[in-house]
Amino acid sequence: DPKRDEAFDLYKASSGKIRLTDIASQLSVSEGTVRGWKAKDKWEDMLA
């Protein structure tokens, strides 16, 4: 899903400060979907 990369871009742009609910609402996906992407893609590690 191209929104998966968009979600990480939003997260990265905020240096990890944005809430997952905000990302979900901006991309019109569920918070659970964003939470899953964050875990599966290891956003924290990618950001570090």
PDB file of all heavy atoms in Angstrom:
ATOM      1  N   ASP A   1       0.850  -1.191   0.000  1.00  0.00           N
ATOM      2  CA  ASP A   1       0.000   0.000   0.000  1.00  0.00           C
ATOM      3  C   ASP A   1       0.892   1.250   0.000  1.00  0.00           C
ATOM      4  O   ASP A   1       1.730   1.408   0.895  1.00  0.00           O
ATOM      5  CB  ASP A   1      -0.883  -0.017   1.250  1.00  0.00           C
ATOM      6  CG  ASP A   1      -1.936   1.073   1.250  1.00  0.00           C
ATOM      7  OD1 ASP A   1      -1.777   2.076   0.519  1.00  0.00           O
ATOM      8  OD2 ASP A   1      -2.929   0.918   1.974  1.00  0.00           O
ATOM      9  N   PRO A   2       0.722   2.140  -0.981  1.00  0.00           N
ATOM     10  CA  PRO A   2       1.562   3.350  -1.010  1.00  0.00           C
ATOM     11  C   PRO A   2       1.357   4.238   0.217  1.00  0.00           C
ATOM     12  O   PRO A   2       2.247   5.004   0.586  1.00  0.00           O
ATOM     13  CB  PRO A   2       1.139   4.068  -2.288  1.00  0.00           C
ATOM     14  CG  PRO A   2      -0.087   3.394  -2.777  1.00  0.00           C
ATOM     15  CD  PRO A   2      -0.186   2.062  -2.109  1.00  0.00           C
ATOM     16  N   LYS A   3       0.212   4.100   0.864  1.00  0.00           N
ATOM     17  CA  LYS A   3      -0.033   4.883   2.079  1.00  0.00           C
ATOM     18  C   LYS A   3       0.917   4.460   3.205  1.00  0.00           C
ATOM     19  O   LYS A   3       1.182   5.231   4.118  1.00  0.00           O
ATOM     20  CB  LYS A   3      -1.482   4.709   2.545  1.00  0.00           C
ATOM     21  CG  LYS A   3      -2.483   5.397   1.650  1.00  0.00           C
ATOM     22  CD  LYS A   3      -3.879   5.257   2.189  1.00  0.00           C
ATOM     23  CE  LYS A   3      -4.885   5.953   1.292  1.00  0.00           C
ATOM     24  NZ  LYS A   3      -6.248   5.848   1.822  1.00  0.00           N
ATOM     25  N   ARG A   4       1.422   3.231   3.109  1.00  0.00           N
ATOM     26  CA  ARG A   4       2.347   2.735   4.127  1.00  0.00           C
ATOM     27  C   ARG A   4       3.625   3.578   4.135  1.00  0.00           C
ATOM     28  O   ARG A   4       4.141   3.942   5.188  1.00  0.00           O
ATOM     29  CB  ARG A   4       2.662   1.266   3.823  1.00  0.00           C
ATOM     30  CG  ARG A   4       3.398   0.535   4.900  1.00  0.00           C
ATOM     31  CD  ARG A   4       3.391  -0.936   4.573  1.00  0.00           C
ATOM     32  NE  ARG A   4       4.088  -1.699   5.578  1.00  0.00           N
ATOM     33  CZ  ARG A   4       3.945  -3.010   5.744  1.00  0.00           C
ATOM     34  NH1 ARG A   4       3.142  -3.692   4.961  1.00  0.00           N
ATOM     35  NH2 ARG A   4       4.615  -3.645   6.669  1.00  0.00           N
ATOM     36  N   ASP A   5       4.132   3.898   2.955  1.00  0.00           N
ATOM     37  CA  ASP A   5       5.328   4.739   2.861  1.00  0.00           C
ATOM     38  C   ASP A   5       5.007   6.192   3.231  1.00  0.00           C
ATOM     39  O   ASP A   5       5.816   6.859   3.879  1.00  0.00           O
ATOM     40  CB  ASP A   5       5.921   4.675   1.448  1.00  0.00           C
ATOM     41  CG  ASP A   5       6.433   3.281   1.107  1.00  0.00           C
ATOM     42  OD1 ASP A   5       7.008   2.618   1.990  1.00  0.00           O
ATOM     43  OD2 ASP A   5       6.247   2.857  -0.044  1.00  0.00           O
ATOM     44  N   GLU A   6       3.830   6.643   2.851  1.00  0.00           N
ATOM     45  CA  GLU A   6       3.407   8.001   3.223  1.00  0.00           C
ATOM     46  C   GLU A   6       3.342   8.136   4.739  1.00  0.00           C
ATOM     47  O   GLU A   6       3.733   9.162   5.295  1.00  0.00           O
ATOM     48  CB  GLU A   6       2.018   8.316   2.654  1.00  0.00           C
ATOM     49  CG  GLU A   6       1.990   8.702   1.206  1.00  0.00           C
ATOM     50  CD  GLU A   6       0.578   9.056   0.769  1.00  0.00           C
ATOM     51  OE1 GLU A   6       0.023  10.045   1.292  1.00  0.00           O
ATOM     52  OE2 GLU A   6       0.035   8.332  -0.077  1.00  0.00           O
ATOM     53  N   ALA A   7       2.819   7.092   5.382  1.00  0.00           N
ATOM     54  CA  ALA A   7       2.691   7.113   6.836  1.00  0.00           C
ATOM     55  C   ALA A   7       4.064   7.245   7.486  1.00  0.00           C
ATOM     56  O   ALA A   7       4.246   8.045   8.408  1.00  0.00           O
ATOM     57  CB  ALA A   7       1.995   5.837   7.322  1.00  0.00           C
ATOM     58  N   PHE A   8       5.034   6.490   6.993  1.00  0.00           N
ATOM     59  CA  PHE A   8       6.381   6.610   7.562  1.00  0.00           C
ATOM     60  C   PHE A   8       6.973   7.980   7.292  1.00  0.00           C
ATOM     61  O   PHE A   8       7.638   8.556   8.158  1.00  0.00           O
ATOM     62  CB  PHE A   8       7.325   5.515   7.035  1.00  0.00           C
ATOM     63  CG  PHE A   8       8.725   5.676   7.565  1.00  0.00           C
ATOM     64  CD1 PHE A   8       8.986   5.495   8.914  1.00  0.00           C
ATOM     65  CD2 PHE A   8       9.765   6.046   6.736  1.00  0.00           C
ATOM     66  CE1 PHE A   8      10.267   5.670   9.431  1.00  0.00           C
ATOM     67  CE2 PHE A   8      11.049   6.220   7.236  1.00  0.00           C
ATOM     68  CZ  PHE A   8      11.301   6.030   8.587  1.00  0.00           C
ATOM     69  N   ASP A   9       6.723   8.528   6.109  1.00  0.00           N
ATOM     70  CA  ASP A   9       7.236   9.867   5.791  1.00  0.00           C
ATOM     71  C   ASP A   9       6.688  10.909   6.769  1.00  0.00           C
ATOM     72  O   ASP A   9       7.426  11.792   7.223  1.00  0.00           O
ATOM     73  CB  ASP A   9       6.888  10.257   4.354  1.00  0.00           C
ATOM     74  CG  ASP A   9       7.684   9.459   3.331  1.00  0.00           C
ATOM     75  OD1 ASP A   9       8.731   8.878   3.694  1.00  0.00           O
ATOM     76  OD2 ASP A   9       7.240   9.412   2.163  1.00  0.00           O
ATOM     77  N   LEU A  10       5.400  10.808   7.107  1.00  0.00           N
ATOM     78  CA  LEU A  10       4.809  11.728   8.082  1.00  0.00           C
ATOM     79  C   LEU A  10       5.459  11.549   9.450  1.00  0.00           C
ATOM     80  O   LEU A  10       5.762  12.517  10.147  1.00  0.00           O
ATOM     81  CB  LEU A  10       3.296  11.490   8.195  1.00  0.00           C
ATOM     82  CG  LEU A  10       2.452  11.913   7.001  1.00  0.00           C
ATOM     83  CD1 LEU A  10       1.035  11.374   7.134  1.00  0.00           C
ATOM     84  CD2 LEU A  10       2.438  13.424   6.866  1.00  0.00           C
ATOM     85  N   TYR A  11       5.660  10.288   9.830  1.00  0.00           N
ATOM     86  CA  TYR A  11       6.278   9.975  11.116  1.00  0.00           C
ATOM     87  C   TYR A  11       7.706  10.518  11.167  1.00  0.00           C
ATOM     88  O   TYR A  11       8.116  11.139  12.141  1.00  0.00           O
ATOM     89  CB  TYR A  11       6.264   8.452  11.310  1.00  0.00           C
ATOM     90  CG  TYR A  11       6.713   7.987  12.670  1.00  0.00           C
ATOM     91  CD1 TYR A  11       5.863   8.072  13.766  1.00  0.00           C
ATOM     92  CD2 TYR A  11       7.968   7.436  12.859  1.00  0.00           C
ATOM     93  CE1 TYR A  11       6.259   7.637  15.011  1.00  0.00           C
ATOM     94  CE2 TYR A  11       8.383   6.992  14.094  1.00  0.00           C
ATOM     95  CZ  TYR A  11       7.523   7.093  15.178  1.00  0.00           C
ATOM     96  OH  TYR A  11       7.923   6.656  16.409  1.00  0.00           O
ATOM     97  N   LYS A  12       8.451  10.310  10.079  1.00  0.00           N
ATOM     98  CA  LYS A  12       9.841  10.756  10.008  1.00  0.00           C
ATOM     99  C   LYS A  12       9.921  12.279  10.030  1.00  0.00           C
ATOM    100  O   LYS A  12      10.776  12.852  10.709  1.00  0.00           O
ATOM    101  CB  LYS A  12      10.484  10.202   8.738  1.00  0.00           C
ATOM    102  CG  LYS A  12      11.952  10.543   8.585  1.00  0.00           C
ATOM    103  CD  LYS A  12      12.585   9.821   7.422  1.00  0.00           C
ATOM    104  CE  LYS A  12      12.035  10.281   6.105  1.00  0.00           C
ATOM    105  NZ  LYS A  12      12.778   9.741   4.948  1.00  0.00           N
ATOM    106  N   ALA A  13       9.026  12.936   9.303  1.00  0.00           N
ATOM    107  CA  ALA A  13       9.030  14.396   9.241  1.00  0.00           C
ATOM    108  C   ALA A  13       8.804  15.024  10.613  1.00  0.00           C
ATOM    109  O   ALA A  13       9.298  16.113  10.897  1.00  0.00           O
ATOM    110  CB  ALA A  13       7.975  14.887   8.258  1.00  0.00           C
ATOM    111  N   SER A  14       8.077  14.307  11.468  1.00  0.00           N
ATOM    112  CA  SER A  14       7.808  14.837  12.809  1.00  0.00           C
ATOM    113  C   SER A  14       8.825  14.325  13.825  1.00  0.00           C
ATOM    114  O   SER A  14       8.662  14.544  15.028  1.00  0.00           O
ATOM    115  CB  SER A  14       6.406  14.429  13.258  1.00  0.00           C
ATOM    116  OG  SER A  14       6.385  13.054  13.603  1.00  0.00           O
ATOM    117  N   SER A  15       9.840  13.626  13.367  1.00  0.00           N
ATOM    118  CA  SER A  15      10.847  13.013  14.246  1.00  0.00           C
ATOM    119  C   SER A  15      10.211  12.072  15.255  1.00  0.00           C
ATOM    120  O   SER A  15      10.653  11.960  16.397  1.00  0.00           O
ATOM    121  CB  SER A  15      11.674  14.080  14.970  1.00  0.00           C
ATOM    122  OG  SER A  15      12.320  14.908  14.043  1.00  0.00           O
ATOM    123  N   GLY A  16       9.147  11.412  14.841  1.00  0.00           N
ATOM    124  CA  GLY A  16       8.479  10.448  15.711  1.00  0.00           C
ATOM    125  C   GLY A  16       7.544  11.056  16.731  1.00  0.00           C
ATOM    126  O   GLY A  16       7.054  10.371  17.618  1.00  0.00           O
ATOM    127  N   LYS A  17       7.280  12.350  16.610  1.00  0.00           N
ATOM    128  CA  LYS A  17       6.443  13.037  17.604  1.00  0.00           C
ATOM    129  C   LYS A  17       4.947  12.995  17.281  1.00  0.00           C
ATOM    130  O   LYS A  17       4.122  13.193  18.153  1.00  0.00           O
ATOM    131  CB  LYS A  17       6.874  14.497  17.729  1.00  0.00           C
ATOM    132  CG  LYS A  17       8.343  14.695  18.049  1.00  0.00           C
ATOM    133  CD  LYS A  17       8.594  14.708  19.526  1.00  0.00           C
ATOM    134  CE  LYS A  17       9.997  15.138  19.877  1.00  0.00           C
ATOM    135  NZ  LYS A  17      11.000  14.091  19.756  1.00  0.00           N
ATOM    136  N   ILE A  18       4.601  12.745  16.022  1.00  0.00           N
ATOM    137  CA  ILE A  18       3.198  12.739  15.611  1.00  0.00           C
ATOM    138  C   ILE A  18       2.483  11.517  16.191  1.00  0.00           C
ATOM    139  O   ILE A  18       3.076  10.450  16.342  1.00  0.00           O
ATOM    140  CB  ILE A  18       3.084  12.769  14.071  1.00  0.00           C
ATOM    141  CG1 ILE A  18       1.652  13.068  13.628  1.00  0.00           C
ATOM    142  CG2 ILE A  18       3.602  11.482  13.464  1.00  0.00           C
ATOM    143  CD1 ILE A  18       1.530  13.331  12.126  1.00  0.00           C
ATOM    144  N   ARG A  19       1.219  11.697  16.548  1.00  0.00           N
ATOM    145  CA  ARG A  19       0.442  10.567  17.075  1.00  0.00           C
ATOM    146  C   ARG A  19      -0.022   9.681  15.930  1.00  0.00           C
ATOM    147  O   ARG A  19      -0.318  10.168  14.841  1.00  0.00           O
ATOM    148  CB  ARG A  19      -0.768  11.086  17.857  1.00  0.00           C
ATOM    149  CG  ARG A  19      -0.345  11.804  19.124  1.00  0.00           C
ATOM    150  CD  ARG A  19      -1.485  12.370  19.943  1.00  0.00           C
ATOM    151  NE  ARG A  19      -2.790  11.849  19.596  1.00  0.00           N
ATOM    152  CZ  ARG A  19      -3.916  12.548  19.646  1.00  0.00           C
ATOM    153  NH1 ARG A  19      -3.896  13.792  20.011  1.00  0.00           N
ATOM    154  NH2 ARG A  19      -5.062  12.004  19.333  1.00  0.00           N
ATOM    155  N   LEU A  20      -0.065   8.388  16.178  1.00  0.00           N
ATOM    156  CA  LEU A  20      -0.485   7.452  15.139  1.00  0.00           C
ATOM    157  C   LEU A  20      -1.915   7.719  14.698  1.00  0.00           C
ATOM    158  O   LEU A  20      -2.246   7.530  13.531  1.00  0.00           O
ATOM    159  CB  LEU A  20      -0.325   6.013  15.623  1.00  0.00           C
ATOM    160  CG  LEU A  20       1.102   5.597  15.987  1.00  0.00           C
ATOM    161  CD1 LEU A  20       1.138   4.112  16.365  1.00  0.00           C
ATOM    162  CD2 LEU A  20       2.078   5.888  14.884  1.00  0.00           C
ATOM    163  N   THR A  21      -2.744   8.194  15.623  1.00  0.00           N
ATOM    164  CA  THR A  21      -4.125   8.525  15.255  1.00  0.00           C
ATOM    165  C   THR A  21      -4.160   9.670  14.245  1.00  0.00           C
ATOM    166  O   THR A  21      -5.011   9.695  13.366  1.00  0.00           O
ATOM    167  CB  THR A  21      -4.968   8.904  16.483  1.00  0.00           C
ATOM    168  OG1 THR A  21      -4.293   9.924  17.218  1.00  0.00           O
ATOM    169  CG2 THR A  21      -5.202   7.718  17.382  1.00  0.00           C
ATOM    170  N   ASP A  22      -3.225  10.610  14.365  1.00  0.00           N
ATOM    171  CA  ASP A  22      -3.165  11.728  13.421  1.00  0.00           C
ATOM    172  C   ASP A  22      -2.749  11.243  12.035  1.00  0.00           C
ATOM    173  O   ASP A  22      -3.304  11.677  11.022  1.00  0.00           O
ATOM    174  CB  ASP A  22      -2.194  12.801  13.909  1.00  0.00           C
ATOM    175  CG  ASP A  22      -2.666  13.476  15.192  1.00  0.00           C
ATOM    176  OD1 ASP A  22      -3.889  13.451  15.456  1.00  0.00           O
ATOM    177  OD2 ASP A  22      -1.823  14.011  15.922  1.00  0.00           O
ATOM    178  N   ILE A  23      -1.777  10.335  11.993  1.00  0.00           N
ATOM    179  CA  ILE A  23      -1.354   9.759  10.712  1.00  0.00           C
ATOM    180  C   ILE A  23      -2.534   9.016  10.086  1.00  0.00           C
ATOM    181  O   ILE A  23      -2.827   9.174   8.902  1.00  0.00           O
ATOM    182  CB  ILE A  23      -0.160   8.798  10.893  1.00  0.00           C
ATOM    183  CG1 ILE A  23       1.085   9.573  11.341  1.00  0.00           C
ATOM    184  CG2 ILE A  23       0.131   8.042   9.598  1.00  0.00           C
ATOM    185  CD1 ILE A  23       2.268   8.696  11.712  1.00  0.00           C
ATOM    186  N   ALA A  24      -3.218   8.212  10.886  1.00  0.00           N
ATOM    187  CA  ALA A  24      -4.348   7.426  10.394  1.00  0.00           C
ATOM    188  C   ALA A  24      -5.434   8.324   9.811  1.00  0.00           C
ATOM    189  O   ALA A  24      -5.960   8.044   8.727  1.00  0.00           O
ATOM    190  CB  ALA A  24      -4.914   6.569  11.522  1.00  0.00           C
ATOM    191  N   SER A  25      -5.760   9.413  10.500  1.00  0.00           N
ATOM    192  CA  SER A  25      -6.828  10.285   9.996  1.00  0.00           C
ATOM    193  C   SER A  25      -6.398  11.018   8.725  1.00  0.00           C
ATOM    194  O   SER A  25      -7.210  11.205   7.819  1.00  0.00           O
ATOM    195  CB  SER A  25      -7.274  11.273  11.069  1.00  0.00           C
ATOM    196  OG  SER A  25      -6.239  12.161  11.407  1.00  0.00           O
ATOM    197  N   GLN A  26      -5.123  11.395   8.641  1.00  0.00           N
ATOM    198  CA  GLN A  26      -4.647  12.087   7.427  1.00  0.00           C
ATOM    199  C   GLN A  26      -4.684  11.171   6.209  1.00  0.00           C
ATOM    200  O   GLN A  26      -4.928  11.629   5.097  1.00  0.00           O
ATOM    201  CB  GLN A  26      -3.216  12.587   7.626  1.00  0.00           C
ATOM    202  CG  GLN A  26      -3.120  13.796   8.522  1.00  0.00           C
ATOM    203  CD  GLN A  26      -1.699  14.313   8.631  1.00  0.00           C
ATOM    204  OE1 GLN A  26      -0.984  14.377   7.647  1.00  0.00           O
ATOM    205  NE2 GLN A  26      -1.302  14.663   9.837  1.00  0.00           N
ATOM    206  N   LEU A  27      -4.442   9.868   6.418  1.00  0.00           N
ATOM    207  CA  LEU A  27      -4.376   8.928   5.300  1.00  0.00           C
ATOM    208  C   LEU A  27      -5.664   8.120   5.118  1.00  0.00           C
ATOM    209  O   LEU A  27      -5.733   7.254   4.251  1.00  0.00           O
ATOM    210  CB  LEU A  27      -3.192   7.976   5.488  1.00  0.00           C
ATOM    211  CG  LEU A  27      -1.812   8.643   5.544  1.00  0.00           C
ATOM    212  CD1 LEU A  27      -0.733   7.604   5.772  1.00  0.00           C
ATOM    213  CD2 LEU A  27      -1.533   9.412   4.269  1.00  0.00           C
ATOM    214  N   SER A  28      -6.658   8.382   5.949  1.00  0.00           N
ATOM    215  CA  SER A  28      -7.951   7.674   5.891  1.00  0.00           C
ATOM    216  C   SER A  28      -7.787   6.159   6.029  1.00  0.00           C
ATOM    217  O   SER A  28      -8.344   5.380   5.256  1.00  0.00           O
ATOM    218  CB  SER A  28      -8.692   8.007   4.594  1.00  0.00           C
ATOM    219  OG  SER A  28      -8.923   9.384   4.508  1.00  0.00           O
ATOM    220  N   VAL A  29      -6.985   5.750   7.013  1.00  0.00           N
ATOM    221  CA  VAL A  29      -6.849   4.334   7.356  1.00  0.00           C
ATOM    222  C   VAL A  29      -7.072   4.210   8.859  1.00  0.00           C
ATOM    223  O   VAL A  29      -7.096   5.211   9.571  1.00  0.00           O
ATOM    224  CB  VAL A  29      -5.457   3.758   6.974  1.00  0.00           C
ATOM    225  CG1 VAL A  29      -5.245   3.795   5.472  1.00  0.00           C
ATOM    226  CG2 VAL A  29      -4.332   4.487   7.673  1.00  0.00           C
ATOM    227  N   SER A  30      -7.225   2.981   9.344  1.00  0.00           N
ATOM    228  CA  SER A  30      -7.468   2.812  10.769  1.00  0.00           C
ATOM    229  C   SER A  30      -6.175   2.970  11.567  1.00  0.00           C
ATOM    230  O   SER A  30      -5.074   2.772  11.043  1.00  0.00           O
ATOM    231  CB  SER A  30      -8.069   1.435  11.053  1.00  0.00           C
ATOM    232  OG  SER A  30      -7.076   0.437  10.934  1.00  0.00           O
ATOM    233  N   GLU A  31      -6.330   3.328  12.829  1.00  0.00           N
ATOM    234  CA  GLU A  31      -5.165   3.469  13.697  1.00  0.00           C
ATOM    235  C   GLU A  31      -4.441   2.132  13.838  1.00  0.00           C
ATOM    236  O   GLU A  31      -3.215   2.081  13.879  1.00  0.00           O
ATOM    237  CB  GLU A  31      -5.593   3.985  15.069  1.00  0.00           C
ATOM    238  CG  GLU A  31      -4.424   4.201  16.006  1.00  0.00           C
ATOM    239  CD  GLU A  31      -4.847   4.598  17.412  1.00  0.00           C
ATOM    240  OE1 GLU A  31      -6.041   4.844  17.642  1.00  0.00           O
ATOM    241  OE2 GLU A  31      -3.962   4.642  18.268  1.00  0.00           O
ATOM    242  N   GLY A  32      -5.199   1.057  13.876  1.00  0.00           N
ATOM    243  CA  GLY A  32      -4.607  -0.276  13.982  1.00  0.00           C
ATOM    244  C   GLY A  32      -3.727  -0.602  12.786  1.00  0.00           C
ATOM    245  O   GLY A  32      -2.682  -1.254  12.932  1.00  0.00           O
ATOM    246  N   THR A  33      -4.129  -0.161  11.622  1.00  0.00           N
ATOM    247  CA  THR A  33      -3.326  -0.372  10.418  1.00  0.00           C
ATOM    248  C   THR A  33      -1.991   0.351  10.546  1.00  0.00           C
ATOM    249  O   THR A  33      -0.932  -0.226  10.282  1.00  0.00           O
ATOM    250  CB  THR A  33      -4.089   0.136   9.178  1.00  0.00           C
ATOM    251  OG1 THR A  33      -5.297  -0.622   9.035  1.00  0.00           O
ATOM    252  CG2 THR A  33      -3.255  -0.001   7.917  1.00  0.00           C
ATOM    253  N   VAL A  34      -2.032   1.603  10.976  1.00  0.00           N
ATOM    254  CA  VAL A  34      -0.803   2.382  11.132  1.00  0.00           C
ATOM    255  C   VAL A  34       0.080   1.750  12.208  1.00  0.00           C
ATOM    256  O   VAL A  34       1.294   1.640  12.044  1.00  0.00           O
ATOM    257  CB  VAL A  34      -1.113   3.857  11.473  1.00  0.00           C
ATOM    258  CG1 VAL A  34       0.162   4.638  11.728  1.00  0.00           C
ATOM    259  CG2 VAL A  34      -1.907   4.505  10.359  1.00  0.00           C
ATOM    260  N   ARG A  35      -0.532   1.308  13.299  1.00  0.00           N
ATOM    261  CA  ARG A  35       0.223   0.666  14.378  1.00  0.00           C
ATOM    262  C   ARG A  35       0.921  -0.593  13.863  1.00  0.00           C
ATOM    263  O   ARG A  35       2.084  -0.856  14.191  1.00  0.00           O
ATOM    264  CB  ARG A  35      -0.712   0.320  15.543  1.00  0.00           C
ATOM    265  CG  ARG A  35       0.019   0.003  16.820  1.00  0.00           C
ATOM    266  CD  ARG A  35      -0.915  -0.287  17.991  1.00  0.00           C
ATOM    267  NE  ARG A  35      -1.912   0.749  18.200  1.00  0.00           N
ATOM    268  CZ  ARG A  35      -3.231   0.573  18.057  1.00  0.00           C
ATOM    269  NH1 ARG A  35      -3.728  -0.602  17.715  1.00  0.00           N
ATOM    270  NH2 ARG A  35      -4.063   1.551  18.282  1.00  0.00           N
ATOM    271  N   GLY A  36       0.227  -1.353  13.016  1.00  0.00           N
ATOM    272  CA  GLY A  36       0.813  -2.560  12.427  1.00  0.00           C
ATOM    273  C   GLY A  36       1.982  -2.235  11.519  1.00  0.00           C
ATOM    274  O   GLY A  36       3.023  -2.897  11.562  1.00  0.00           O
ATOM    275  N   TRP A  37       1.813  -1.202  10.697  1.00  0.00           N
ATOM    276  CA  TRP A  37       2.907  -0.792   9.812  1.00  0.00           C
ATOM    277  C   TRP A  37       4.122  -0.373  10.624  1.00  0.00           C
ATOM    278  O   TRP A  37       5.252  -0.721  10.294  1.00  0.00           O
ATOM    279  CB  TRP A  37       2.478   0.381   8.929  1.00  0.00           C
ATOM    280  CG  TRP A  37       1.458   0.059   7.886  1.00  0.00           C
ATOM    281  CD1 TRP A  37       1.136  -1.171   7.387  1.00  0.00           C
ATOM    282  CD2 TRP A  37       0.617   0.991   7.195  1.00  0.00           C
ATOM    283  NE1 TRP A  37       0.151  -1.052   6.431  1.00  0.00           N
ATOM    284  CE2 TRP A  37      -0.188   0.274   6.288  1.00  0.00           C
ATOM    285  CE3 TRP A  37       0.470   2.376   7.265  1.00  0.00           C
ATOM    286  CZ2 TRP A  37      -1.108   0.882   5.452  1.00  0.00           C
ATOM    287  CZ3 TRP A  37      -0.458   2.986   6.442  1.00  0.00           C
ATOM    288  CH2 TRP A  37      -1.237   2.243   5.537  1.00  0.00           C
ATOM    289  N   LYS A  38       3.882   0.381  11.705  1.00  0.00           N
ATOM    290  CA  LYS A  38       4.983   0.856  12.540  1.00  0.00           C
ATOM    291  C   LYS A  38       5.760  -0.323  13.125  1.00  0.00           C
ATOM    292  O   LYS A  38       6.993  -0.323  13.122  1.00  0.00           O
ATOM    293  CB  LYS A  38       4.437   1.738  13.665  1.00  0.00           C
ATOM    294  CG  LYS A  38       5.522   2.287  14.564  1.00  0.00           C
ATOM    295  CD  LYS A  38       4.957   3.120  15.690  1.00  0.00           C
ATOM    296  CE  LYS A  38       6.075   3.579  16.606  1.00  0.00           C
ATOM    297  NZ  LYS A  38       5.585   4.186  17.831  1.00  0.00           N
ATOM    298  N   ALA A  39       5.040  -1.323  13.586  1.00  0.00           N
ATOM    299  CA  ALA A  39       5.691  -2.491  14.189  1.00  0.00           C
ATOM    300  C   ALA A  39       6.405  -3.348  13.142  1.00  0.00           C
ATOM    301  O   ALA A  39       7.569  -3.731  13.324  1.00  0.00           O
ATOM    302  CB  ALA A  39       4.654  -3.323  14.944  1.00  0.00           C
ATOM    303  N   LYS A  40       5.715  -3.645  12.053  1.00  0.00           N
ATOM    304  CA  LYS A  40       6.287  -4.543  11.033  1.00  0.00           C
ATOM    305  C   LYS A  40       7.491  -3.932  10.327  1.00  0.00           C
ATOM    306  O   LYS A  40       8.444  -4.632   9.999  1.00  0.00           O
ATOM    307  CB  LYS A  40       5.225  -4.902   9.996  1.00  0.00           C
ATOM    308  CG  LYS A  40       4.151  -5.809  10.546  1.00  0.00           C
ATOM    309  CD  LYS A  40       3.018  -5.995   9.556  1.00  0.00           C
ATOM    310  CE  LYS A  40       1.845  -6.668  10.226  1.00  0.00           C
ATOM    311  NZ  LYS A  40       0.577  -6.356   9.589  1.00  0.00           N
ATOM    312  N   ASP A  41       7.429  -2.619  10.085  1.00  0.00           N
ATOM    313  CA  ASP A  41       8.522  -1.952   9.370  1.00  0.00           C
ATOM    314  C   ASP A  41       9.594  -1.403  10.309  1.00  0.00           C
ATOM    315  O   ASP A  41      10.587  -0.844   9.852  1.00  0.00           O
ATOM    316  CB  ASP A  41       7.972  -0.804   8.510  1.00  0.00           C
ATOM    317  CG  ASP A  41       7.080  -1.302   7.384  1.00  0.00           C
ATOM    318  OD1 ASP A  41       7.105  -2.505   7.076  1.00  0.00           O
ATOM    319  OD2 ASP A  41       6.341  -0.469   6.814  1.00  0.00           O
ATOM    320  N   LYS A  42       9.368  -1.546  11.613  1.00  0.00           N
ATOM    321  CA  LYS A  42      10.337  -1.086  12.624  1.00  0.00           C
ATOM    322  C   LYS A  42      10.716   0.387  12.424  1.00  0.00           C
ATOM    323  O   LYS A  42      11.874   0.749  12.257  1.00  0.00           O
ATOM    324  CB  LYS A  42      11.587  -1.976  12.610  1.00  0.00           C
ATOM    325  CG  LYS A  42      11.287  -3.415  12.942  1.00  0.00           C
ATOM    326  CD  LYS A  42      12.563  -4.238  12.957  1.00  0.00           C
ATOM    327  CE  LYS A  42      12.338  -5.643  13.456  1.00  0.00           C
ATOM    328  NZ  LYS A  42      11.456  -6.465  12.684  1.00  0.00           N
ATOM    329  N   TRP A  43       9.691   1.243  12.467  1.00  0.00           N
ATOM    330  CA  TRP A  43       9.902   2.668  12.254  1.00  0.00           C
ATOM    331  C   TRP A  43      10.907   3.255  13.225  1.00  0.00           C
ATOM    332  O   TRP A  43      11.701   4.113  12.865  1.00  0.00           O
ATOM    333  CB  TRP A  43       8.587   3.433  12.364  1.00  0.00           C
ATOM    334  CG  TRP A  43       7.639   3.217  11.231  1.00  0.00           C
ATOM    335  CD1 TRP A  43       7.829   2.425  10.123  1.00  0.00           C
ATOM    336  CD2 TRP A  43       6.354   3.805  11.074  1.00  0.00           C
ATOM    337  NE1 TRP A  43       6.732   2.493   9.314  1.00  0.00           N
ATOM    338  CE2 TRP A  43       5.810   3.329   9.869  1.00  0.00           C
ATOM    339  CE3 TRP A  43       5.605   4.685  11.845  1.00  0.00           C
ATOM    340  CZ2 TRP A  43       4.555   3.719   9.414  1.00  0.00           C
ATOM    341  CZ3 TRP A  43       4.362   5.073  11.408  1.00  0.00           C
ATOM    342  CH2 TRP A  43       3.840   4.589  10.196  1.00  0.00           C
ATOM    343  N   GLU A  44      10.856   2.823  14.493  1.00  0.00           N
ATOM    344  CA  GLU A  44      11.770   3.371  15.495  1.00  0.00           C
ATOM    345  C   GLU A  44      13.218   3.111  15.099  1.00  0.00           C
ATOM    346  O   GLU A  44      14.067   3.993  15.192  1.00  0.00           O
ATOM    347  CB  GLU A  44      11.488   2.759  16.877  1.00  0.00           C
ATOM    348  CG  GLU A  44      10.135   3.120  17.461  1.00  0.00           C
ATOM    349  CD  GLU A  44      10.006   4.596  17.814  1.00  0.00           C
ATOM    350  OE1 GLU A  44      11.014   5.244  18.117  1.00  0.00           O
ATOM    351  OE2 GLU A  44       8.873   5.102  17.775  1.00  0.00           O
ATOM    352  N   ASP A  45      13.496   1.890  14.639  1.00  0.00           N
ATOM    353  CA  ASP A  45      14.855   1.538  14.214  1.00  0.00           C
ATOM    354  C   ASP A  45      15.255   2.325  12.977  1.00  0.00           C
ATOM    355  O   ASP A  45      16.392   2.793  12.862  1.00  0.00           O
ATOM    356  CB  ASP A  45      14.964   0.036  13.920  1.00  0.00           C
ATOM    357  CG  ASP A  45      14.768  -0.811  15.171  1.00  0.00           C
ATOM    358  OD1 ASP A  45      14.887  -0.272  16.286  1.00  0.00           O
ATOM    359  OD2 ASP A  45      14.506  -2.021  15.022  1.00  0.00           O
ATOM    360  N   MET A  46      14.319   2.468  12.029  1.00  0.00           N
ATOM    361  CA  MET A  46      14.613   3.215  10.801  1.00  0.00           C
ATOM    362  C   MET A  46      14.911   4.679  11.119  1.00  0.00           C
ATOM    363  O   MET A  46      15.820   5.276  10.537  1.00  0.00           O
ATOM    364  CB  MET A  46      13.442   3.107   9.820  1.00  0.00           C
ATOM    365  CG  MET A  46      13.278   1.722   9.231  1.00  0.00           C
ATOM    366  SD  MET A  46      11.742   1.492   8.321  1.00  0.00           S
ATOM    367  CE  MET A  46      11.877   2.669   7.007  1.00  0.00           C
ATOM    368  N   LEU A  47      14.159   5.236  12.059  1.00  0.00           N
ATOM    369  CA  LEU A  47      14.362   6.628  12.454  1.00  0.00           C
ATOM    370  C   LEU A  47      15.720   6.786  13.127  1.00  0.00           C
ATOM    371  O   LEU A  47      16.456   7.732  12.837  1.00  0.00           O
ATOM    372  CB  LEU A  47      13.241   7.054  13.405  1.00  0.00           C
ATOM    373  CG  LEU A  47      12.892   8.517  13.488  1.00  0.00           C
ATOM    374  CD1 LEU A  47      12.474   9.059  12.129  1.00  0.00           C
ATOM    375  CD2 LEU A  47      11.787   8.741  14.490  1.00  0.00           C
ATOM    376  N   ALA A  48      16.078   5.847  13.981  1.00  0.00           N
ATOM    377  CA  ALA A  48      17.380   5.892  14.669  1.00  0.00           C
ATOM    378  C   ALA A  48      18.521   5.763  13.667  1.00  0.00           C
ATOM    379  O   ALA A  48      19.530   6.467  13.774  1.00  0.00           O
ATOM    380  CB  ALA A  48      17.451   4.782  15.713  1.00  0.00           C
TER     381      ALA A  48
END
